[in-house]
Amino acid sequence: MLGAQSGRWTVDEETGTHLRNAILNTQKQLDQLGARVWQLQQAPRLGHDNYARQVSEHMRKAMDSDDQSLVPVFRTLMAGLSDLAEALETAIHNYAAADETATHHLAKFKDG
């Protein structure tokens, strides 16, 4: 996002529209999956003996125990897409502003 905020990343409206649609489509699909992510945070029901409980807890931890587990990575991906969408809007604005500035400067040559 820093590149977009500093004006180093610009995107024209047409390209931005395609990228925006791709991001929104991806967010929509991941939102549908996200509704079931809570299931990955639950220990599966494998039985009531000690071994079954150990296996069940191991499987739960594999999904949601640290930053490298599937659940936190999924949430980071969702947040990253939101950040990307915001940066894209800034980049589109930067392109429009740069285009307007260039048009203004070129008009001096035309009028002169």
PDB file of N, CA and C in Angstrom:
ATOM      1  N   MET A   1       0.814  -1.184   0.000  1.00  0.00           N
ATOM      2  CA  MET A   1       0.000   0.000   0.000  1.00  0.00           C
ATOM      3  C   MET A   1       0.860   1.250   0.000  1.00  0.00           C
ATOM      4  N   LEU A   2       2.072   1.155   0.546  1.00  0.00           N
ATOM      5  CA  LEU A   2       2.945   2.319   0.604  1.00  0.00           C
ATOM      6  C   LEU A   2       3.245   2.874  -0.778  1.00  0.00           C
ATOM      7  N   GLY A   3       3.430   1.983  -1.757  1.00  0.00           N
ATOM      8  CA  GLY A   3       3.699   2.444  -3.119  1.00  0.00           C
ATOM      9  C   GLY A   3       2.541   3.254  -3.679  1.00  0.00           C
ATOM     10  N   ALA A   4       1.330   2.829  -3.383  1.00  0.00           N
ATOM     11  CA  ALA A   4       0.150   3.559  -3.864  1.00  0.00           C
ATOM     12  C   ALA A   4       0.021   4.888  -3.128  1.00  0.00           C
ATOM     13  N   GLN A   5       0.233   4.878  -1.823  1.00  0.00           N
ATOM     14  CA  GLN A   5       0.104   6.110  -1.044  1.00  0.00           C
ATOM     15  C   GLN A   5       1.137   7.147  -1.449  1.00  0.00           C
ATOM     16  N   SER A   6       2.340   6.696  -1.790  1.00  0.00           N
ATOM     17  CA  SER A   6       3.392   7.641  -2.163  1.00  0.00           C
ATOM     18  C   SER A   6       3.264   8.091  -3.613  1.00  0.00           C
ATOM     19  N   GLY A   7       2.327   7.517  -4.349  1.00  0.00           N
ATOM     20  CA  GLY A   7       2.126   7.907  -5.740  1.00  0.00           C
ATOM     21  C   GLY A   7       2.974   7.128  -6.716  1.00  0.00           C
ATOM     22  N   ARG A   8       3.733   6.141  -6.232  1.00  0.00           N
ATOM     23  CA  ARG A   8       4.591   5.364  -7.128  1.00  0.00           C
ATOM     24  C   ARG A   8       3.828   4.290  -7.876  1.00  0.00           C
ATOM     25  N   TRP A   9       2.630   3.995  -7.449  1.00  0.00           N
ATOM     26  CA  TRP A   9       1.827   2.976  -8.127  1.00  0.00           C
ATOM     27  C   TRP A   9       0.578   3.650  -8.662  1.00  0.00           C
ATOM     28  N   THR A  10       0.428   3.598  -9.972  1.00  0.00           N
ATOM     29  CA  THR A  10      -0.759   4.175 -10.599  1.00  0.00           C
ATOM     30  C   THR A  10      -1.386   3.126 -11.513  1.00  0.00           C
ATOM     31  N   VAL A  11      -2.702   3.185 -11.635  1.00  0.00           N
ATOM     32  CA  VAL A  11      -3.441   2.242 -12.478  1.00  0.00           C
ATOM     33  C   VAL A  11      -4.540   3.022 -13.181  1.00  0.00           C
ATOM     34  N   ASP A  12      -4.645   2.818 -14.488  1.00  0.00           N
ATOM     35  CA  ASP A  12      -5.715   3.500 -15.225  1.00  0.00           C
ATOM     36  C   ASP A  12      -7.071   2.895 -14.847  1.00  0.00           C
ATOM     37  N   GLU A  13      -8.117   3.640 -15.101  1.00  0.00           N
ATOM     38  CA  GLU A  13      -9.467   3.250 -14.682  1.00  0.00           C
ATOM     39  C   GLU A  13      -9.894   1.903 -15.265  1.00  0.00           C
ATOM     40  N   GLU A  14      -9.598   1.674 -16.541  1.00  0.00           N
ATOM     41  CA  GLU A  14     -10.019   0.412 -17.167  1.00  0.00           C
ATOM     42  C   GLU A  14      -9.339  -0.788 -16.515  1.00  0.00           C
ATOM     43  N   THR A  15      -8.033  -0.720 -16.371  1.00  0.00           N
ATOM     44  CA  THR A  15      -7.310  -1.810 -15.716  1.00  0.00           C
ATOM     45  C   THR A  15      -7.765  -1.940 -14.270  1.00  0.00           C
ATOM     46  N   GLY A  16      -7.934  -0.804 -13.606  1.00  0.00           N
ATOM     47  CA  GLY A  16      -8.383  -0.805 -12.220  1.00  0.00           C
ATOM     48  C   GLY A  16      -9.731  -1.480 -12.053  1.00  0.00           C
ATOM     49  N   THR A  17     -10.608  -1.272 -13.004  1.00  0.00           N
ATOM     50  CA  THR A  17     -11.935  -1.898 -12.943  1.00  0.00           C
ATOM     51  C   THR A  17     -11.816  -3.420 -13.020  1.00  0.00           C
ATOM     52  N   HIS A  18     -10.973  -3.912 -13.910  1.00  0.00           N
ATOM     53  CA  HIS A  18     -10.773  -5.359 -14.024  1.00  0.00           C
ATOM     54  C   HIS A  18     -10.150  -5.925 -12.744  1.00  0.00           C
ATOM     55  N   LEU A  19      -9.155  -5.225 -12.222  1.00  0.00           N
ATOM     56  CA  LEU A  19      -8.520  -5.685 -10.983  1.00  0.00           C
ATOM     57  C   LEU A  19      -9.497  -5.624  -9.812  1.00  0.00           C
ATOM     58  N   ARG A  20     -10.275  -4.554  -9.736  1.00  0.00           N
ATOM     59  CA  ARG A  20     -11.270  -4.410  -8.663  1.00  0.00           C
ATOM     60  C   ARG A  20     -12.274  -5.555  -8.716  1.00  0.00           C
ATOM     61  N   ASN A  21     -12.751  -5.880  -9.914  1.00  0.00           N
ATOM     62  CA  ASN A  21     -13.712  -6.980 -10.062  1.00  0.00           C
ATOM     63  C   ASN A  21     -13.103  -8.317  -9.649  1.00  0.00           C
ATOM     64  N   ALA A  22     -11.837  -8.540  -9.991  1.00  0.00           N
ATOM     65  CA  ALA A  22     -11.169  -9.781  -9.611  1.00  0.00           C
ATOM     66  C   ALA A  22     -11.024  -9.870  -8.090  1.00  0.00           C
ATOM     67  N   ILE A  23     -10.655  -8.772  -7.468  1.00  0.00           N
ATOM     68  CA  ILE A  23     -10.510  -8.753  -6.011  1.00  0.00           C
ATOM     69  C   ILE A  23     -11.861  -8.990  -5.351  1.00  0.00           C
ATOM     70  N   LEU A  24     -12.891  -8.304  -5.818  1.00  0.00           N
ATOM     71  CA  LEU A  24     -14.221  -8.465  -5.231  1.00  0.00           C
ATOM     72  C   LEU A  24     -14.746  -9.889  -5.398  1.00  0.00           C
ATOM     73  N   ASN A  25     -14.503 -10.474  -6.558  1.00  0.00           N
ATOM     74  CA  ASN A  25     -14.934 -11.849  -6.806  1.00  0.00           C
ATOM     75  C   ASN A  25     -14.203 -12.820  -5.865  1.00  0.00           C
ATOM     76  N   THR A  26     -12.910 -12.620  -5.710  1.00  0.00           N
ATOM     77  CA  THR A  26     -12.132 -13.461  -4.805  1.00  0.00           C
ATOM     78  C   THR A  26     -12.610 -13.287  -3.367  1.00  0.00           C
ATOM     79  N   GLN A  27     -12.848 -12.045  -2.952  1.00  0.00           N
ATOM     80  CA  GLN A  27     -13.347 -11.804  -1.596  1.00  0.00           C
ATOM     81  C   GLN A  27     -14.696 -12.492  -1.376  1.00  0.00           C
ATOM     82  N   LYS A  28     -15.555 -12.433  -2.375  1.00  0.00           N
ATOM     83  CA  LYS A  28     -16.875 -13.057  -2.250  1.00  0.00           C
ATOM     84  C   LYS A  28     -16.745 -14.573  -2.081  1.00  0.00           C
ATOM     85  N   GLN A  29     -15.887 -15.184  -2.887  1.00  0.00           N
ATOM     86  CA  GLN A  29     -15.695 -16.631  -2.791  1.00  0.00           C
ATOM     87  C   GLN A  29     -15.080 -17.022  -1.448  1.00  0.00           C
ATOM     88  N   LEU A  30     -14.110 -16.240  -0.986  1.00  0.00           N
ATOM     89  CA  LEU A  30     -13.477 -16.541   0.297  1.00  0.00           C
ATOM     90  C   LEU A  30     -14.417 -16.263   1.459  1.00  0.00           C
ATOM     91  N   ASP A  31     -15.293 -15.278   1.323  1.00  0.00           N
ATOM     92  CA  ASP A  31     -16.299 -15.026   2.359  1.00  0.00           C
ATOM     93  C   ASP A  31     -17.198 -16.244   2.540  1.00  0.00           C
ATOM     94  N   GLN A  32     -17.551 -16.879   1.423  1.00  0.00           N
ATOM     95  CA  GLN A  32     -18.385 -18.081   1.498  1.00  0.00           C
ATOM     96  C   GLN A  32     -17.651 -19.207   2.225  1.00  0.00           C
ATOM     97  N   LEU A  33     -16.357 -19.339   1.966  1.00  0.00           N
ATOM     98  CA  LEU A  33     -15.560 -20.330   2.690  1.00  0.00           C
ATOM     99  C   LEU A  33     -15.388 -19.928   4.148  1.00  0.00           C
ATOM    100  N   GLY A  34     -15.254 -18.642   4.383  1.00  0.00           N
ATOM    101  CA  GLY A  34     -15.036 -18.137   5.728  1.00  0.00           C
ATOM    102  C   GLY A  34     -16.149 -18.485   6.688  1.00  0.00           C
ATOM    103  N   ALA A  35     -17.338 -18.651   6.163  1.00  0.00           N
ATOM    104  CA  ALA A  35     -18.468 -19.017   7.011  1.00  0.00           C
ATOM    105  C   ALA A  35     -18.269 -20.400   7.633  1.00  0.00           C
ATOM    106  N   ARG A  36     -17.396 -21.202   7.033  1.00  0.00           N
ATOM    107  CA  ARG A  36     -17.152 -22.555   7.556  1.00  0.00           C
ATOM    108  C   ARG A  36     -15.813 -22.685   8.266  1.00  0.00           C
ATOM    109  N   VAL A  37     -15.021 -21.614   8.296  1.00  0.00           N
ATOM    110  CA  VAL A  37     -13.701 -21.685   8.922  1.00  0.00           C
ATOM    111  C   VAL A  37     -13.803 -22.021  10.401  1.00  0.00           C
ATOM    112  N   TRP A  38     -14.867 -21.597  11.043  1.00  0.00           N
ATOM    113  CA  TRP A  38     -15.032 -21.892  12.467  1.00  0.00           C
ATOM    114  C   TRP A  38     -14.978 -23.391  12.728  1.00  0.00           C
ATOM    115  N   GLN A  39     -15.401 -24.180  11.734  1.00  0.00           N
ATOM    116  CA  GLN A  39     -15.371 -25.635  11.899  1.00  0.00           C
ATOM    117  C   GLN A  39     -13.942 -26.151  12.054  1.00  0.00           C
ATOM    118  N   LEU A  40     -12.995 -25.469  11.408  1.00  0.00           N
ATOM    119  CA  LEU A  40     -11.602 -25.895  11.505  1.00  0.00           C
ATOM    120  C   LEU A  40     -11.029 -25.621  12.894  1.00  0.00           C
ATOM    121  N   GLN A  41     -11.687 -24.758  13.635  1.00  0.00           N
ATOM    122  CA  GLN A  41     -11.229 -24.433  14.980  1.00  0.00           C
ATOM    123  C   GLN A  41     -11.787 -25.393  16.027  1.00  0.00           C
ATOM    124  N   GLN A  42     -12.642 -26.300  15.596  1.00  0.00           N
ATOM    125  CA  GLN A  42     -13.236 -27.280  16.502  1.00  0.00           C
ATOM    126  C   GLN A  42     -12.484 -28.602  16.380  1.00  0.00           C
ATOM    127  N   ALA A  43     -12.304 -29.261  17.490  1.00  0.00           N
ATOM    128  CA  ALA A  43     -11.683 -30.597  17.461  1.00  0.00           C
ATOM    129  C   ALA A  43     -12.696 -31.579  16.866  1.00  0.00           C
ATOM    130  N   PRO A  44     -12.277 -32.368  15.882  1.00  0.00           N
ATOM    131  CA  PRO A  44     -13.211 -33.341  15.296  1.00  0.00           C
ATOM    132  C   PRO A  44     -13.582 -34.422  16.324  1.00  0.00           C
ATOM    133  N   ARG A  45     -14.762 -34.933  16.192  1.00  0.00           N
ATOM    134  CA  ARG A  45     -15.246 -35.981  17.112  1.00  0.00           C
ATOM    135  C   ARG A  45     -14.808 -37.341  16.574  1.00  0.00           C
ATOM    136  N   LEU A  46     -13.786 -37.861  17.196  1.00  0.00           N
ATOM    137  CA  LEU A  46     -13.228 -39.137  16.736  1.00  0.00           C
ATOM    138  C   LEU A  46     -13.486 -40.275  17.711  1.00  0.00           C
ATOM    139  N   GLY A  47     -13.946 -39.956  18.862  1.00  0.00           N
ATOM    140  CA  GLY A  47     -14.182 -40.985  19.867  1.00  0.00           C
ATOM    141  C   GLY A  47     -13.946 -40.416  21.250  1.00  0.00           C
ATOM    142  N   HIS A  48     -14.088 -41.278  22.263  1.00  0.00           N
ATOM    143  CA  HIS A  48     -14.010 -40.806  23.640  1.00  0.00           C
ATOM    144  C   HIS A  48     -12.798 -41.337  24.393  1.00  0.00           C
ATOM    145  N   ASP A  49     -12.052 -42.249  23.808  1.00  0.00           N
ATOM    146  CA  ASP A  49     -10.881 -42.761  24.515  1.00  0.00           C
ATOM    147  C   ASP A  49      -9.728 -41.753  24.439  1.00  0.00           C
ATOM    148  N   ASN A  50      -8.704 -41.961  25.214  1.00  0.00           N
ATOM    149  CA  ASN A  50      -7.586 -41.017  25.295  1.00  0.00           C
ATOM    150  C   ASN A  50      -6.916 -40.793  23.945  1.00  0.00           C
ATOM    151  N   TYR A  51      -6.679 -41.864  23.205  1.00  0.00           N
ATOM    152  CA  TYR A  51      -6.007 -41.734  21.916  1.00  0.00           C
ATOM    153  C   TYR A  51      -6.841 -40.904  20.940  1.00  0.00           C
ATOM    154  N   ALA A  52      -8.122 -41.167  20.878  1.00  0.00           N
ATOM    155  CA  ALA A  52      -9.007 -40.415  19.980  1.00  0.00           C
ATOM    156  C   ALA A  52      -9.005 -38.936  20.358  1.00  0.00           C
ATOM    157  N   ARG A  53      -9.017 -38.630  21.657  1.00  0.00           N
ATOM    158  CA  ARG A  53      -8.995 -37.231  22.093  1.00  0.00           C
ATOM    159  C   ARG A  53      -7.660 -36.569  21.740  1.00  0.00           C
ATOM    160  N   GLN A  54      -6.563 -37.304  21.858  1.00  0.00           N
ATOM    161  CA  GLN A  54      -5.251 -36.757  21.497  1.00  0.00           C
ATOM    162  C   GLN A  54      -5.181 -36.454  20.003  1.00  0.00           C
ATOM    163  N   VAL A  55      -5.637 -37.383  19.195  1.00  0.00           N
ATOM    164  CA  VAL A  55      -5.636 -37.189  17.736  1.00  0.00           C
ATOM    165  C   VAL A  55      -6.529 -36.008  17.375  1.00  0.00           C
ATOM    166  N   SER A  56      -7.679 -35.938  17.986  1.00  0.00           N
ATOM    167  CA  SER A  56      -8.620 -34.861  17.724  1.00  0.00           C
ATOM    168  C   SER A  56      -8.008 -33.496  18.066  1.00  0.00           C
ATOM    169  N   GLU A  57      -7.376 -33.403  19.216  1.00  0.00           N
ATOM    170  CA  GLU A  57      -6.750 -32.143  19.624  1.00  0.00           C
ATOM    171  C   GLU A  57      -5.575 -31.802  18.711  1.00  0.00           C
ATOM    172  N   HIS A  58      -4.814 -32.796  18.294  1.00  0.00           N
ATOM    173  CA  HIS A  58      -3.710 -32.565  17.363  1.00  0.00           C
ATOM    174  C   HIS A  58      -4.233 -31.987  16.035  1.00  0.00           C
ATOM    175  N   MET A  59      -5.311 -32.535  15.545  1.00  0.00           N
ATOM    176  CA  MET A  59      -5.898 -32.048  14.288  1.00  0.00           C
ATOM    177  C   MET A  59      -6.385 -30.607  14.448  1.00  0.00           C
ATOM    178  N   ARG A  60      -6.986 -30.288  15.581  1.00  0.00           N
ATOM    179  CA  ARG A  60      -7.455 -28.925  15.822  1.00  0.00           C
ATOM    180  C   ARG A  60      -6.276 -27.958  15.857  1.00  0.00           C
ATOM    181  N   LYS A  61      -5.223 -28.348  16.568  1.00  0.00           N
ATOM    182  CA  LYS A  61      -4.044 -27.488  16.657  1.00  0.00           C
ATOM    183  C   LYS A  61      -3.383 -27.284  15.300  1.00  0.00           C
ATOM    184  N   ALA A  62      -3.438 -28.289  14.453  1.00  0.00           N
ATOM    185  CA  ALA A  62      -2.859 -28.165  13.120  1.00  0.00           C
ATOM    186  C   ALA A  62      -3.571 -27.085  12.301  1.00  0.00           C
ATOM    187  N   MET A  63      -4.823 -26.843  12.600  1.00  0.00           N
ATOM    188  CA  MET A  63      -5.604 -25.849  11.866  1.00  0.00           C
ATOM    189  C   MET A  63      -5.513 -24.448  12.473  1.00  0.00           C
ATOM    190  N   ASP A  64      -5.303 -24.369  13.801  1.00  0.00           N
ATOM    191  CA  ASP A  64      -5.404 -23.054  14.451  1.00  0.00           C
ATOM    192  C   ASP A  64      -4.572 -22.989  15.729  1.00  0.00           C
ATOM    193  N   SER A  65      -3.256 -23.086  15.586  1.00  0.00           N
ATOM    194  CA  SER A  65      -2.435 -23.010  16.794  1.00  0.00           C
ATOM    195  C   SER A  65      -1.384 -21.912  16.746  1.00  0.00           C
ATOM    196  N   ASP A  66      -1.002 -21.475  15.547  1.00  0.00           N
ATOM    197  CA  ASP A  66      -0.003 -20.410  15.429  1.00  0.00           C
ATOM    198  C   ASP A  66      -0.227 -19.641  14.129  1.00  0.00           C
ATOM    199  N   ASP A  67       0.633 -18.674  13.869  1.00  0.00           N
ATOM    200  CA  ASP A  67       0.466 -17.819  12.688  1.00  0.00           C
ATOM    201  C   ASP A  67       0.608 -18.561  11.363  1.00  0.00           C
ATOM    202  N   GLN A  68       1.185 -19.746  11.391  1.00  0.00           N
ATOM    203  CA  GLN A  68       1.381 -20.523  10.168  1.00  0.00           C
ATOM    204  C   GLN A  68       0.244 -21.512   9.912  1.00  0.00           C
ATOM    205  N   SER A  69      -0.680 -21.607  10.834  1.00  0.00           N
ATOM    206  CA  SER A  69      -1.810 -22.525  10.694  1.00  0.00           C
ATOM    207  C   SER A  69      -2.816 -21.986   9.688  1.00  0.00           C
ATOM    208  N   LEU A  70      -3.657 -22.864   9.193  1.00  0.00           N
ATOM    209  CA  LEU A  70      -4.596 -22.517   8.136  1.00  0.00           C
ATOM    210  C   LEU A  70      -5.552 -21.379   8.511  1.00  0.00           C
ATOM    211  N   VAL A  71      -6.145 -21.421   9.688  1.00  0.00           N
ATOM    212  CA  VAL A  71      -7.134 -20.406  10.057  1.00  0.00           C
ATOM    213  C   VAL A  71      -6.522 -19.004  10.099  1.00  0.00           C
ATOM    214  N   PRO A  72      -5.403 -18.774  10.803  1.00  0.00           N
ATOM    215  CA  PRO A  72      -4.828 -17.435  10.794  1.00  0.00           C
ATOM    216  C   PRO A  72      -4.332 -16.993   9.410  1.00  0.00           C
ATOM    217  N   VAL A  73      -3.802 -17.933   8.639  1.00  0.00           N
ATOM    218  CA  VAL A  73      -3.352 -17.597   7.281  1.00  0.00           C
ATOM    219  C   VAL A  73      -4.547 -17.178   6.425  1.00  0.00           C
ATOM    220  N   PHE A  74      -5.654 -17.863   6.572  1.00  0.00           N
ATOM    221  CA  PHE A  74      -6.874 -17.509   5.839  1.00  0.00           C
ATOM    222  C   PHE A  74      -7.312 -16.086   6.209  1.00  0.00           C
ATOM    223  N   ARG A  75      -7.304 -15.778   7.492  1.00  0.00           N
ATOM    224  CA  ARG A  75      -7.707 -14.435   7.938  1.00  0.00           C
ATOM    225  C   ARG A  75      -6.734 -13.367   7.441  1.00  0.00           C
ATOM    226  N   THR A  76      -5.454 -13.693   7.424  1.00  0.00           N
ATOM    227  CA  THR A  76      -4.455 -12.759   6.907  1.00  0.00           C
ATOM    228  C   THR A  76      -4.682 -12.516   5.420  1.00  0.00           C
ATOM    229  N   LEU A  77      -5.016 -13.557   4.689  1.00  0.00           N
ATOM    230  CA  LEU A  77      -5.329 -13.425   3.267  1.00  0.00           C
ATOM    231  C   LEU A  77      -6.514 -12.493   3.063  1.00  0.00           C
ATOM    232  N   MET A  78      -7.562 -12.665   3.851  1.00  0.00           N
ATOM    233  CA  MET A  78      -8.747 -11.807   3.735  1.00  0.00           C
ATOM    234  C   MET A  78      -8.381 -10.344   4.014  1.00  0.00           C
ATOM    235  N   ALA A  79      -7.599 -10.110   5.047  1.00  0.00           N
ATOM    236  CA  ALA A  79      -7.173  -8.743   5.376  1.00  0.00           C
ATOM    237  C   ALA A  79      -6.292  -8.183   4.266  1.00  0.00           C
ATOM    238  N   GLY A  80      -5.428  -9.027   3.711  1.00  0.00           N
ATOM    239  CA  GLY A  80      -4.562  -8.591   2.615  1.00  0.00           C
ATOM    240  C   GLY A  80      -5.346  -8.193   1.385  1.00  0.00           C
ATOM    241  N   LEU A  81      -6.411  -8.906   1.083  1.00  0.00           N
ATOM    242  CA  LEU A  81      -7.253  -8.534  -0.060  1.00  0.00           C
ATOM    243  C   LEU A  81      -7.922  -7.189   0.171  1.00  0.00           C
ATOM    244  N   SER A  82      -8.348  -6.940   1.391  1.00  0.00           N
ATOM    245  CA  SER A  82      -8.945  -5.639   1.711  1.00  0.00           C
ATOM    246  C   SER A  82      -7.920  -4.525   1.544  1.00  0.00           C
ATOM    247  N   ASP A  83      -6.706  -4.764   2.020  1.00  0.00           N
ATOM    248  CA  ASP A  83      -5.636  -3.775   1.858  1.00  0.00           C
ATOM    249  C   ASP A  83      -5.319  -3.550   0.385  1.00  0.00           C
ATOM    250  N   LEU A  84      -5.312  -4.626  -0.387  1.00  0.00           N
ATOM    251  CA  LEU A  84      -5.040  -4.519  -1.820  1.00  0.00           C
ATOM    252  C   LEU A  84      -6.122  -3.700  -2.518  1.00  0.00           C
ATOM    253  N   ALA A  85      -7.379  -3.932  -2.160  1.00  0.00           N
ATOM    254  CA  ALA A  85      -8.483  -3.172  -2.756  1.00  0.00           C
ATOM    255  C   ALA A  85      -8.335  -1.688  -2.436  1.00  0.00           C
ATOM    256  N   GLU A  86      -7.959  -1.374  -1.214  1.00  0.00           N
ATOM    257  CA  GLU A  86      -7.763   0.019  -0.815  1.00  0.00           C
ATOM    258  C   GLU A  86      -6.594   0.649  -1.585  1.00  0.00           C
ATOM    259  N   ALA A  87      -5.495  -0.092  -1.712  1.00  0.00           N
ATOM    260  CA  ALA A  87      -4.337   0.401  -2.463  1.00  0.00           C
ATOM    261  C   ALA A  87      -4.690   0.609  -3.934  1.00  0.00           C
ATOM    262  N   LEU A  88      -5.509  -0.271  -4.475  1.00  0.00           N
ATOM    263  CA  LEU A  88      -5.934  -0.137  -5.867  1.00  0.00           C
ATOM    264  C   LEU A  88      -6.720   1.150  -6.068  1.00  0.00           C
ATOM    265  N   GLU A  89      -7.633   1.447  -5.160  1.00  0.00           N
ATOM    266  CA  GLU A  89      -8.403   2.694  -5.274  1.00  0.00           C
ATOM    267  C   GLU A  89      -7.473   3.905  -5.238  1.00  0.00           C
ATOM    268  N   THR A  90      -6.465   3.856  -4.377  1.00  0.00           N
ATOM    269  CA  THR A  90      -5.486   4.949  -4.308  1.00  0.00           C
ATOM    270  C   THR A  90      -4.704   5.041  -5.615  1.00  0.00           C
ATOM    271  N   ALA A  91      -4.320   3.904  -6.169  1.00  0.00           N
ATOM    272  CA  ALA A  91      -3.559   3.878  -7.416  1.00  0.00           C
ATOM    273  C   ALA A  91      -4.381   4.424  -8.583  1.00  0.00           C
ATOM    274  N   ILE A  92      -5.669   4.133  -8.613  1.00  0.00           N
ATOM    275  CA  ILE A  92      -6.550   4.675  -9.658  1.00  0.00           C
ATOM    276  C   ILE A  92      -6.629   6.186  -9.513  1.00  0.00           C
ATOM    277  N   HIS A  93      -6.774   6.640  -8.280  1.00  0.00           N
ATOM    278  CA  HIS A  93      -6.815   8.087  -8.020  1.00  0.00           C
ATOM    279  C   HIS A  93      -5.491   8.739  -8.441  1.00  0.00           C
ATOM    280  N   ASN A  94      -4.364   8.083  -8.125  1.00  0.00           N
ATOM    281  CA  ASN A  94      -3.051   8.610  -8.502  1.00  0.00           C
ATOM    282  C   ASN A  94      -2.923   8.737 -10.015  1.00  0.00           C
ATOM    283  N   TYR A  95      -3.434   7.748 -10.736  1.00  0.00           N
ATOM    284  CA  TYR A  95      -3.354   7.779 -12.195  1.00  0.00           C
ATOM    285  C   TYR A  95      -4.163   8.948 -12.738  1.00  0.00           C
ATOM    286  N   ALA A  96      -5.365   9.102 -12.212  1.00  0.00           N
ATOM    287  CA  ALA A  96      -6.223  10.196 -12.667  1.00  0.00           C
ATOM    288  C   ALA A  96      -5.580  11.539 -12.368  1.00  0.00           C
ATOM    289  N   ALA A  97      -4.987  11.685 -11.197  1.00  0.00           N
ATOM    290  CA  ALA A  97      -4.328  12.946 -10.838  1.00  0.00           C
ATOM    291  C   ALA A  97      -3.118  13.207 -11.723  1.00  0.00           C
ATOM    292  N   ALA A  98      -2.320  12.162 -11.997  1.00  0.00           N
ATOM    293  CA  ALA A  98      -1.154  12.312 -12.862  1.00  0.00           C
ATOM    294  C   ALA A  98      -1.577  12.648 -14.284  1.00  0.00           C
ATOM    295  N   ASP A  99      -2.654  12.016 -14.743  1.00  0.00           N
ATOM    296  CA  ASP A  99      -3.170  12.287 -16.084  1.00  0.00           C
ATOM    297  C   ASP A  99      -3.648  13.734 -16.195  1.00  0.00           C
ATOM    298  N   GLU A 100      -4.322  14.198 -15.175  1.00  0.00           N
ATOM    299  CA  GLU A 100      -4.813  15.582 -15.164  1.00  0.00           C
ATOM    300  C   GLU A 100      -3.647  16.565 -15.163  1.00  0.00           C
ATOM    301  N   THR A 101      -2.620  16.278 -14.392  1.00  0.00           N
ATOM    302  CA  THR A 101      -1.439  17.146 -14.334  1.00  0.00           C
ATOM    303  C   THR A 101      -0.737  17.173 -15.683  1.00  0.00           C
ATOM    304  N   ALA A 102      -0.578  16.002 -16.297  1.00  0.00           N
ATOM    305  CA  ALA A 102       0.076  15.941 -17.608  1.00  0.00           C
ATOM    306  C   ALA A 102      -0.734  16.698 -18.646  1.00  0.00           C
ATOM    307  N   THR A 103      -2.033  16.554 -18.619  1.00  0.00           N
ATOM    308  CA  THR A 103      -2.895  17.273 -19.567  1.00  0.00           C
ATOM    309  C   THR A 103      -2.754  18.772 -19.382  1.00  0.00           C
ATOM    310  N   HIS A 104      -2.693  19.196 -18.139  1.00  0.00           N
ATOM    311  CA  HIS A 104      -2.551  20.630 -17.833  1.00  0.00           C
ATOM    312  C   HIS A 104      -1.215  21.148 -18.385  1.00  0.00           C
ATOM    313  N   HIS A 105      -0.127  20.408 -18.185  1.00  0.00           N
ATOM    314  CA  HIS A 105       1.191  20.831 -18.658  1.00  0.00           C
ATOM    315  C   HIS A 105       1.272  20.811 -20.179  1.00  0.00           C
ATOM    316  N   LEU A 106       0.670  19.824 -20.804  1.00  0.00           N
ATOM    317  CA  LEU A 106       0.693  19.744 -22.266  1.00  0.00           C
ATOM    318  C   LEU A 106      -0.155  20.841 -22.902  1.00  0.00           C
ATOM    319  N   ALA A 107      -1.172  21.285 -22.205  1.00  0.00           N
ATOM    320  CA  ALA A 107      -2.030  22.339 -22.734  1.00  0.00           C
ATOM    321  C   ALA A 107      -1.230  23.626 -22.935  1.00  0.00           C
ATOM    322  N   LYS A 108      -0.209  23.851 -22.159  1.00  0.00           N
ATOM    323  CA  LYS A 108       0.635  25.040 -22.306  1.00  0.00           C
ATOM    324  C   LYS A 108       1.316  25.051 -23.659  1.00  0.00           C
ATOM    325  N   PHE A 109       1.745  23.891 -24.142  1.00  0.00           N
ATOM    326  CA  PHE A 109       2.400  23.801 -25.436  1.00  0.00           C
ATOM    327  C   PHE A 109       1.390  24.011 -26.566  1.00  0.00           C
ATOM    328  N   LYS A 110       0.190  23.508 -26.372  1.00  0.00           N
ATOM    329  CA  LYS A 110      -0.845  23.623 -27.386  1.00  0.00           C
ATOM    330  C   LYS A 110      -1.266  25.084 -27.543  1.00  0.00           C
ATOM    331  N   ASP A 111      -1.438  25.765 -26.418  1.00  0.00           N
ATOM    332  CA  ASP A 111      -1.902  27.154 -26.443  1.00  0.00           C
ATOM    333  C   ASP A 111      -0.793  28.110 -26.859  1.00  0.00           C
ATOM    334  N   GLY A 112       0.455  27.694 -26.664  1.00  0.00           N
ATOM    335  CA  GLY A 112       1.583  28.600 -26.903  1.00  0.00           C
ATOM    336  C   GLY A 112       1.985  28.600 -28.299  1.00  0.00           C
TER     337      GLY A 112
END
